[in-house]
């Protein structure tokens, strides 16, 4: 495994632990209401991000876990970007962070195969 792969996994793991915790705690509940999603989506999405983050870190030693975490996080970020564009009708630039995180997650998948 290359040092770049490890760095990407640590960055994704750290980022998603922070955002997943914030989402699961309900601090972003207004954003989910704005999308028209029920309140349990806070816990569901936050849990996906926390599980994916842990998977990214564990995946440093067990690459298949990083692949599975990349699928979970990449899919979550793809849905987030599409939600911002099509449901919330936000400008495209607001979805760029989610798209970048999706691409990095997919990159980690391929680097661990």
N, C-alpha and C. Protein backbone atom coordinates (compact mmCIF):
# COMPACT_ATOMS: atom_id res chain seq x y z
N UNK A 1 0.86 -1.18 0.00
CA UNK A 1 0.00 0.00 0.00
C UNK A 1 0.90 1.23 0.00
N UNK A 2 0.53 2.20 -0.81
CA UNK A 2 1.34 3.41 -0.91
C UNK A 2 1.02 4.39 0.21
N UNK A 3 1.94 5.28 0.44
CA UNK A 3 1.77 6.31 1.47
C UNK A 3 0.60 7.24 1.11
N UNK A 4 0.40 7.47 -0.18
CA UNK A 4 -0.70 8.34 -0.62
C UNK A 4 -2.05 7.70 -0.26
N UNK A 5 -2.15 6.39 -0.44
CA UNK A 5 -3.38 5.69 -0.08
C UNK A 5 -3.65 5.82 1.41
N UNK A 6 -2.62 5.62 2.21
CA UNK A 6 -2.78 5.73 3.67
C UNK A 6 -3.20 7.15 4.05
N UNK A 7 -2.58 8.15 3.45
CA UNK A 7 -2.92 9.54 3.75
C UNK A 7 -4.38 9.83 3.38
N UNK A 8 -4.80 9.37 2.19
CA UNK A 8 -6.19 9.60 1.77
C UNK A 8 -7.17 8.93 2.74
N UNK A 9 -6.84 7.71 3.17
CA UNK A 9 -7.72 7.01 4.10
C UNK A 9 -7.78 7.71 5.46
N UNK A 10 -6.66 8.21 5.93
CA UNK A 10 -6.66 8.94 7.21
C UNK A 10 -7.46 10.23 7.09
N UNK A 11 -7.28 10.94 5.98
CA UNK A 11 -8.03 12.19 5.77
C UNK A 11 -9.53 11.92 5.69
N UNK A 12 -9.91 10.91 4.90
CA UNK A 12 -11.33 10.57 4.80
C UNK A 12 -11.88 10.11 6.15
N UNK A 13 -11.12 9.27 6.84
CA UNK A 13 -11.55 8.78 8.15
C UNK A 13 -11.78 9.92 9.13
N UNK A 14 -10.83 10.82 9.22
CA UNK A 14 -10.95 11.96 10.13
C UNK A 14 -12.11 12.87 9.77
N UNK A 15 -12.22 13.18 8.48
CA UNK A 15 -13.30 14.07 8.03
C UNK A 15 -14.67 13.48 8.33
N UNK A 16 -14.84 12.20 7.97
CA UNK A 16 -16.16 11.60 8.14
C UNK A 16 -16.51 11.29 9.59
N UNK A 17 -15.52 11.10 10.44
CA UNK A 17 -15.82 10.97 11.88
C UNK A 17 -16.42 12.29 12.38
N UNK A 18 -15.80 13.41 11.97
CA UNK A 18 -16.29 14.72 12.42
C UNK A 18 -17.67 15.02 11.86
N UNK A 19 -17.86 14.86 10.54
CA UNK A 19 -19.15 15.21 9.96
C UNK A 19 -20.23 14.21 10.35
N UNK A 20 -19.87 12.93 10.42
CA UNK A 20 -20.86 11.93 10.82
C UNK A 20 -21.37 12.16 12.22
N UNK A 21 -20.47 12.52 13.13
CA UNK A 21 -20.86 12.82 14.50
C UNK A 21 -21.78 14.05 14.54
N UNK A 22 -21.43 15.05 13.75
CA UNK A 22 -22.24 16.27 13.70
C UNK A 22 -23.64 15.98 13.16
N UNK A 23 -23.70 15.18 12.10
CA UNK A 23 -25.00 14.85 11.50
C UNK A 23 -25.83 14.00 12.45
N UNK A 24 -25.23 12.93 13.00
CA UNK A 24 -25.96 12.01 13.88
C UNK A 24 -26.47 12.70 15.15
N UNK A 25 -25.76 13.73 15.59
CA UNK A 25 -26.17 14.44 16.81
C UNK A 25 -27.36 15.36 16.57
N UNK A 26 -27.73 15.56 15.32
CA UNK A 26 -28.88 16.41 15.01
C UNK A 26 -28.53 17.85 14.74
N UNK A 27 -27.24 18.18 14.73
CA UNK A 27 -26.84 19.57 14.51
C UNK A 27 -27.12 20.04 13.08
N UNK A 28 -27.40 19.10 12.19
CA UNK A 28 -27.73 19.47 10.81
C UNK A 28 -29.18 19.12 10.47
N UNK A 29 -30.01 18.99 11.50
CA UNK A 29 -31.41 18.59 11.30
C UNK A 29 -32.15 19.55 10.38
N UNK A 30 -31.86 20.83 10.47
CA UNK A 30 -32.55 21.81 9.62
C UNK A 30 -32.25 21.57 8.14
N UNK A 31 -31.03 21.16 7.85
CA UNK A 31 -30.65 20.88 6.47
C UNK A 31 -31.46 19.69 5.94
N UNK A 32 -31.61 18.65 6.74
CA UNK A 32 -32.38 17.48 6.30
C UNK A 32 -33.87 17.83 6.17
N UNK A 33 -34.38 18.70 7.03
CA UNK A 33 -35.76 19.16 6.91
C UNK A 33 -35.95 19.92 5.60
N UNK A 34 -34.94 20.72 5.26
CA UNK A 34 -34.99 21.50 4.03
C UNK A 34 -35.13 20.59 2.81
N UNK A 35 -34.52 19.42 2.87
CA UNK A 35 -34.60 18.45 1.77
C UNK A 35 -35.91 17.68 1.79
N UNK A 36 -36.66 17.78 2.90
CA UNK A 36 -37.90 17.05 3.03
C UNK A 36 -37.71 15.63 3.54
N UNK A 37 -36.56 15.35 4.15
CA UNK A 37 -36.27 14.01 4.67
C UNK A 37 -36.76 13.89 6.11
N UNK A 38 -37.22 12.70 6.50
CA UNK A 38 -37.62 12.49 7.90
C UNK A 38 -36.42 12.58 8.84
N UNK A 39 -36.70 12.81 10.10
CA UNK A 39 -35.62 13.05 11.06
C UNK A 39 -34.68 11.88 11.25
N UNK A 40 -35.13 10.63 11.02
CA UNK A 40 -34.22 9.50 11.21
C UNK A 40 -33.09 9.49 10.18
N UNK A 41 -33.22 10.28 9.11
CA UNK A 41 -32.13 10.37 8.13
C UNK A 41 -30.87 10.98 8.75
N UNK A 42 -31.03 11.82 9.78
CA UNK A 42 -29.86 12.35 10.49
C UNK A 42 -29.03 11.21 11.06
N UNK A 43 -29.70 10.32 11.77
CA UNK A 43 -28.99 9.21 12.41
C UNK A 43 -28.47 8.23 11.36
N UNK A 44 -29.28 7.95 10.35
CA UNK A 44 -28.88 7.02 9.30
C UNK A 44 -27.65 7.52 8.55
N UNK A 45 -27.70 8.76 8.09
CA UNK A 45 -26.58 9.32 7.34
C UNK A 45 -25.34 9.46 8.23
N UNK A 46 -25.52 9.96 9.43
CA UNK A 46 -24.40 10.10 10.35
C UNK A 46 -23.76 8.75 10.66
N UNK A 47 -24.59 7.73 10.83
CA UNK A 47 -24.07 6.39 11.10
C UNK A 47 -23.29 5.84 9.91
N UNK A 48 -23.82 6.05 8.70
CA UNK A 48 -23.08 5.63 7.50
C UNK A 48 -21.70 6.28 7.46
N UNK A 49 -21.66 7.58 7.76
CA UNK A 49 -20.39 8.29 7.70
C UNK A 49 -19.42 7.81 8.79
N UNK A 50 -19.92 7.58 9.98
CA UNK A 50 -19.06 7.11 11.07
C UNK A 50 -18.54 5.70 10.77
N UNK A 51 -19.43 4.81 10.32
CA UNK A 51 -19.02 3.45 9.97
C UNK A 51 -18.00 3.47 8.84
N UNK A 52 -18.26 4.30 7.83
CA UNK A 52 -17.32 4.43 6.71
C UNK A 52 -15.97 4.97 7.16
N UNK A 53 -16.00 5.93 8.07
CA UNK A 53 -14.75 6.51 8.59
C UNK A 53 -13.92 5.46 9.33
N UNK A 54 -14.59 4.70 10.17
CA UNK A 54 -13.89 3.64 10.90
C UNK A 54 -13.34 2.62 9.90
N UNK A 55 -14.14 2.30 8.89
CA UNK A 55 -13.69 1.37 7.85
C UNK A 55 -12.46 1.87 7.11
N UNK A 56 -12.40 3.17 6.86
CA UNK A 56 -11.23 3.74 6.18
C UNK A 56 -9.97 3.55 7.02
N UNK A 57 -10.09 3.77 8.31
CA UNK A 57 -8.93 3.63 9.19
C UNK A 57 -8.53 2.16 9.32
N UNK A 58 -9.50 1.29 9.57
CA UNK A 58 -9.21 -0.15 9.67
C UNK A 58 -8.66 -0.66 8.34
N UNK A 59 -9.13 -0.08 7.25
CA UNK A 59 -8.71 -0.48 5.92
C UNK A 59 -7.23 -0.25 5.63
N UNK A 60 -6.57 0.52 6.45
CA UNK A 60 -5.13 0.70 6.29
C UNK A 60 -4.44 -0.66 6.46
N UNK A 61 -4.97 -1.49 7.35
CA UNK A 61 -4.39 -2.81 7.62
C UNK A 61 -5.14 -3.94 6.92
N UNK A 62 -6.44 -3.72 6.63
CA UNK A 62 -7.27 -4.74 5.97
C UNK A 62 -7.91 -4.08 4.74
N UNK A 63 -7.23 -4.14 3.59
CA UNK A 63 -7.67 -3.38 2.41
C UNK A 63 -9.11 -3.62 1.97
N UNK A 64 -9.64 -4.82 2.12
CA UNK A 64 -11.02 -5.07 1.70
C UNK A 64 -12.00 -4.22 2.49
N UNK A 65 -11.66 -3.91 3.73
CA UNK A 65 -12.52 -3.04 4.55
C UNK A 65 -12.50 -1.62 3.97
N UNK A 66 -11.34 -1.17 3.49
CA UNK A 66 -11.27 0.15 2.86
C UNK A 66 -12.10 0.19 1.59
N UNK A 67 -12.11 -0.91 0.85
CA UNK A 67 -12.94 -0.98 -0.36
C UNK A 67 -14.42 -0.86 0.00
N UNK A 68 -14.85 -1.61 0.99
CA UNK A 68 -16.26 -1.54 1.42
C UNK A 68 -16.60 -0.15 1.97
N UNK A 69 -15.69 0.42 2.75
CA UNK A 69 -15.92 1.77 3.28
C UNK A 69 -15.98 2.79 2.16
N UNK A 70 -15.14 2.61 1.15
CA UNK A 70 -15.16 3.52 0.00
C UNK A 70 -16.47 3.46 -0.75
N UNK A 71 -17.02 2.24 -0.88
CA UNK A 71 -18.33 2.10 -1.53
C UNK A 71 -19.40 2.81 -0.72
N UNK A 72 -19.39 2.61 0.59
CA UNK A 72 -20.38 3.24 1.47
C UNK A 72 -20.26 4.77 1.42
N UNK A 73 -19.05 5.27 1.59
CA UNK A 73 -18.87 6.73 1.62
C UNK A 73 -19.05 7.36 0.25
N UNK A 74 -18.55 6.70 -0.79
CA UNK A 74 -18.73 7.22 -2.14
C UNK A 74 -20.20 7.30 -2.52
N UNK A 75 -20.94 6.25 -2.19
CA UNK A 75 -22.38 6.26 -2.46
C UNK A 75 -23.12 7.32 -1.67
N UNK A 76 -22.74 7.46 -0.41
CA UNK A 76 -23.36 8.48 0.43
C UNK A 76 -23.11 9.88 -0.13
N UNK A 77 -21.89 10.13 -0.57
CA UNK A 77 -21.56 11.45 -1.11
C UNK A 77 -22.19 11.69 -2.47
N UNK A 78 -22.33 10.64 -3.27
CA UNK A 78 -23.02 10.79 -4.55
C UNK A 78 -24.48 11.17 -4.32
N UNK A 79 -25.12 10.49 -3.37
CA UNK A 79 -26.51 10.82 -3.04
C UNK A 79 -26.60 12.24 -2.47
N UNK A 80 -25.62 12.62 -1.65
CA UNK A 80 -25.62 13.99 -1.10
C UNK A 80 -25.53 15.02 -2.22
N UNK A 81 -24.63 14.80 -3.18
CA UNK A 81 -24.48 15.74 -4.29
C UNK A 81 -25.76 15.82 -5.11
N UNK A 82 -26.34 14.67 -5.42
CA UNK A 82 -27.58 14.66 -6.21
C UNK A 82 -28.73 15.32 -5.45
N UNK A 83 -28.77 15.13 -4.13
CA UNK A 83 -29.79 15.77 -3.31
C UNK A 83 -29.66 17.28 -3.37
N UNK A 84 -28.44 17.77 -3.25
CA UNK A 84 -28.22 19.22 -3.30
C UNK A 84 -28.61 19.80 -4.66
N UNK A 85 -28.30 19.08 -5.73
CA UNK A 85 -28.57 19.59 -7.07
C UNK A 85 -30.05 19.48 -7.44
N UNK A 86 -30.63 18.30 -7.22
CA UNK A 86 -31.97 18.05 -7.76
C UNK A 86 -33.11 18.27 -6.77
N UNK A 87 -32.90 17.99 -5.51
CA UNK A 87 -33.98 18.16 -4.53
C UNK A 87 -33.95 19.56 -3.93
N UNK A 88 -32.77 19.97 -3.44
CA UNK A 88 -32.66 21.29 -2.81
C UNK A 88 -32.57 22.41 -3.85
N UNK A 89 -32.23 22.04 -5.09
CA UNK A 89 -32.08 23.03 -6.18
C UNK A 89 -31.00 24.07 -5.86
N UNK A 90 -29.98 23.63 -5.12
CA UNK A 90 -28.86 24.52 -4.81
C UNK A 90 -27.98 24.68 -6.04
N UNK A 91 -27.17 25.75 -6.08
CA UNK A 91 -26.23 25.90 -7.20
C UNK A 91 -25.24 24.73 -7.21
N UNK A 92 -24.77 24.37 -8.39
CA UNK A 92 -23.85 23.24 -8.55
C UNK A 92 -22.64 23.35 -7.64
N UNK A 93 -22.12 24.57 -7.48
CA UNK A 93 -20.90 24.74 -6.69
C UNK A 93 -21.08 24.29 -5.24
N UNK A 94 -22.30 24.27 -4.74
CA UNK A 94 -22.53 23.81 -3.37
C UNK A 94 -22.36 22.29 -3.25
N UNK A 95 -22.50 21.58 -4.37
CA UNK A 95 -22.35 20.13 -4.35
C UNK A 95 -20.90 19.68 -4.62
N UNK A 96 -20.03 20.59 -4.95
CA UNK A 96 -18.64 20.24 -5.29
C UNK A 96 -17.93 19.50 -4.14
N UNK A 97 -18.04 19.93 -2.89
CA UNK A 97 -17.37 19.16 -1.82
C UNK A 97 -17.83 17.70 -1.77
N UNK A 98 -19.11 17.46 -1.92
CA UNK A 98 -19.61 16.08 -1.90
C UNK A 98 -19.08 15.30 -3.10
N UNK A 99 -19.00 15.94 -4.25
CA UNK A 99 -18.47 15.27 -5.45
C UNK A 99 -16.99 14.94 -5.26
N UNK A 100 -16.23 15.87 -4.71
CA UNK A 100 -14.80 15.62 -4.46
C UNK A 100 -14.63 14.47 -3.49
N UNK A 101 -15.40 14.44 -2.42
CA UNK A 101 -15.32 13.34 -1.45
C UNK A 101 -15.73 12.01 -2.08
N UNK A 102 -16.70 12.04 -2.96
CA UNK A 102 -17.10 10.83 -3.69
C UNK A 102 -15.94 10.33 -4.55
N UNK A 103 -15.31 11.23 -5.28
CA UNK A 103 -14.20 10.85 -6.16
C UNK A 103 -13.03 10.29 -5.34
N UNK A 104 -12.71 10.93 -4.22
CA UNK A 104 -11.62 10.44 -3.38
C UNK A 104 -11.96 9.05 -2.83
N UNK A 105 -13.21 8.86 -2.44
CA UNK A 105 -13.63 7.54 -1.93
C UNK A 105 -13.48 6.47 -3.01
N UNK A 106 -13.89 6.79 -4.23
CA UNK A 106 -13.75 5.84 -5.34
C UNK A 106 -12.27 5.59 -5.64
N UNK A 107 -11.44 6.61 -5.56
CA UNK A 107 -10.02 6.46 -5.76
C UNK A 107 -9.43 5.48 -4.73
N UNK A 108 -9.84 5.62 -3.48
CA UNK A 108 -9.38 4.70 -2.44
C UNK A 108 -9.79 3.27 -2.74
N UNK A 109 -10.99 3.11 -3.28
CA UNK A 109 -11.43 1.76 -3.67
C UNK A 109 -10.44 1.15 -4.64
N UNK A 110 -10.14 1.88 -5.71
CA UNK A 110 -9.25 1.35 -6.75
C UNK A 110 -7.83 1.17 -6.27
N UNK A 111 -7.37 2.03 -5.38
CA UNK A 111 -6.01 1.90 -4.85
C UNK A 111 -5.87 0.68 -3.93
N UNK A 112 -7.00 0.19 -3.41
CA UNK A 112 -6.96 -0.97 -2.51
C UNK A 112 -7.34 -2.28 -3.19
N UNK A 113 -7.64 -2.25 -4.46
CA UNK A 113 -7.98 -3.49 -5.17
C UNK A 113 -6.73 -4.22 -5.62
